[in-house]
Amino acid sequence: MKISSFPFQTLDWSSVPKEEHKGDTGMAYWQIQQVNDIRVRMVEYSPGYLADHWCSKGHIILCLEGEIETELKDGRIMKLTKDMCYFVGDDNEAHRTSAKNGCRLFIVD
């Protein structure tokens, strides 16, 4: 990843509005900061959340609280708990996420 030039900045996530995104079940709440071509998000999944789509976008995801399961299109299931992360590139393994008891994530894509 090449991070293009932009000035040093800080962000107070509490000042960023939340967007609601319905899953097949449950809700996702996104806070987004766009920096050039890089999208940085704080995401909360409600208990019982299941994504409503298979995703082929690349991500770096850090689990801040709770636990998620990410199902890959080939059937593998990867579990993340607090302080764990995963990395996947664009157009690699399609994946979708669920959160039985809810979670909070920091995502760069």
Protein backbone atom coordinates (compact mmCIF):
# COMPACT_ATOMS: atom_id res chain seq x y z
CA MET A 1 0.00 0.00 0.00
CA LYS A 2 1.25 3.45 -0.83
CA ILE A 3 0.02 6.13 1.52
CA SER A 4 -0.13 9.38 -0.45
CA SER A 5 0.95 12.63 1.12
CA PHE A 6 -1.40 14.35 3.58
CA PRO A 7 -0.72 16.48 6.65
CA PHE A 8 -0.46 15.01 10.15
CA GLN A 9 -3.85 14.89 11.82
CA THR A 10 -5.65 13.42 14.80
CA LEU A 11 -9.22 12.21 15.07
CA ASP A 12 -11.62 11.95 17.99
CA TRP A 13 -13.88 9.05 16.96
CA SER A 14 -16.60 10.31 19.31
CA SER A 15 -17.07 13.26 16.94
CA VAL A 16 -17.66 11.06 13.86
CA PRO A 17 -21.34 10.27 13.15
CA LYS A 18 -22.43 6.64 12.94
CA GLU A 19 -23.99 5.18 9.80
CA GLU A 20 -26.36 2.22 10.14
CA HIS A 21 -25.95 -0.78 7.83
CA LYS A 22 -28.40 -3.69 8.08
CA GLY A 23 -27.02 -7.19 7.90
CA ASP A 24 -28.97 -10.33 7.02
CA THR A 25 -29.47 -10.24 10.76
CA GLY A 26 -28.42 -7.53 13.19
CA MET A 27 -26.90 -4.13 12.50
CA ALA A 28 -23.49 -2.67 11.77
CA TYR A 29 -22.64 0.87 12.83
CA TRP A 30 -19.84 2.49 10.82
CA GLN A 31 -17.84 5.60 11.60
CA ILE A 32 -15.75 6.54 8.57
CA GLN A 33 -12.74 8.75 8.00
CA GLN A 34 -11.59 8.97 4.38
CA VAL A 35 -7.94 9.92 3.86
CA ASN A 36 -7.17 10.17 0.14
CA ASP A 37 -7.82 6.64 -1.18
CA ILE A 38 -7.74 5.03 2.27
CA ARG A 39 -10.96 4.41 4.18
CA VAL A 40 -10.48 4.09 7.95
CA ARG A 41 -13.46 2.84 9.94
CA MET A 42 -14.54 2.12 13.47
CA VAL A 43 -17.27 -0.52 13.18
CA GLU A 44 -19.58 -2.02 15.79
CA TYR A 45 -21.63 -5.14 15.09
CA SER A 46 -24.72 -5.79 17.17
CA PRO A 47 -25.21 -9.21 18.77
CA GLY A 48 -26.48 -11.65 16.14
CA TYR A 49 -24.97 -9.71 13.21
CA LEU A 50 -24.46 -11.54 9.90
CA ALA A 51 -23.23 -9.64 6.84
CA ASP A 52 -25.73 -9.39 4.00
CA HIS A 53 -23.11 -10.01 1.28
CA TRP A 54 -19.87 -11.77 0.37
CA CYS A 55 -17.07 -9.22 0.25
CA SER A 56 -14.04 -9.29 -2.07
CA LYS A 57 -12.56 -6.00 -0.84
CA GLY A 58 -9.16 -6.06 0.85
CA HIS A 59 -9.05 -5.12 4.54
CA ILE A 60 -6.84 -4.90 7.57
CA ILE A 61 -9.12 -5.59 10.53
CA LEU A 62 -8.25 -5.31 14.22
CA CYS A 63 -10.73 -6.63 16.79
CA LEU A 64 -10.92 -4.13 19.65
CA GLU A 65 -13.70 -5.76 21.68
CA GLY A 66 -15.74 -8.93 21.44
CA GLU A 67 -15.35 -11.61 18.81
CA ILE A 68 -16.12 -12.12 15.12
CA GLU A 69 -16.18 -15.09 12.83
CA THR A 70 -15.25 -14.54 9.21
CA GLU A 71 -16.44 -17.22 6.83
CA LEU A 72 -14.46 -17.64 3.63
CA LYS A 73 -16.27 -18.65 0.45
CA ASP A 74 -14.38 -22.00 0.51
CA GLY A 75 -16.01 -22.85 3.87
CA ARG A 76 -13.14 -22.03 6.24
CA ILE A 77 -14.07 -20.00 9.31
CA MET A 78 -11.59 -17.65 10.97
CA LYS A 79 -12.25 -16.39 14.48
CA LEU A 80 -10.92 -13.07 15.77
CA THR A 81 -11.00 -12.08 19.40
CA LYS A 82 -9.79 -8.92 21.12
CA ASP A 83 -6.33 -7.80 19.96
CA MET A 84 -6.29 -10.18 16.95
CA CYS A 85 -6.29 -8.99 13.35
CA TYR A 86 -6.54 -10.28 9.81
CA PHE A 87 -5.30 -9.09 6.45
CA VAL A 88 -6.72 -9.89 3.01
CA GLY A 89 -6.03 -8.25 -0.35
CA ASP A 90 -8.51 -7.02 -2.94
CA ASP A 91 -10.12 -9.79 -4.99
CA ASN A 92 -8.70 -12.61 -2.88
CA GLU A 93 -10.81 -14.90 -0.71
CA ALA A 94 -14.42 -13.69 -0.64
CA HIS A 95 -15.56 -13.44 2.97
CA ARG A 96 -18.47 -12.47 5.21
CA THR A 97 -18.53 -11.72 8.90
CA SER A 98 -20.79 -12.56 11.81
CA ALA A 99 -20.74 -11.56 15.46
CA LYS A 100 -22.75 -13.77 17.80
CA ASN A 101 -22.34 -11.48 20.81
CA GLY A 102 -21.37 -8.24 19.06
CA CYS A 103 -17.96 -6.66 18.63
CA ARG A 104 -16.02 -3.50 17.86
CA LEU A 105 -13.48 -3.35 15.01
CA PHE A 106 -10.92 -0.96 13.56
CA ILE A 107 -10.74 -1.39 9.77
CA VAL A 108 -8.45 0.02 7.08
CA ASP A 109 -9.35 -0.55 3.45
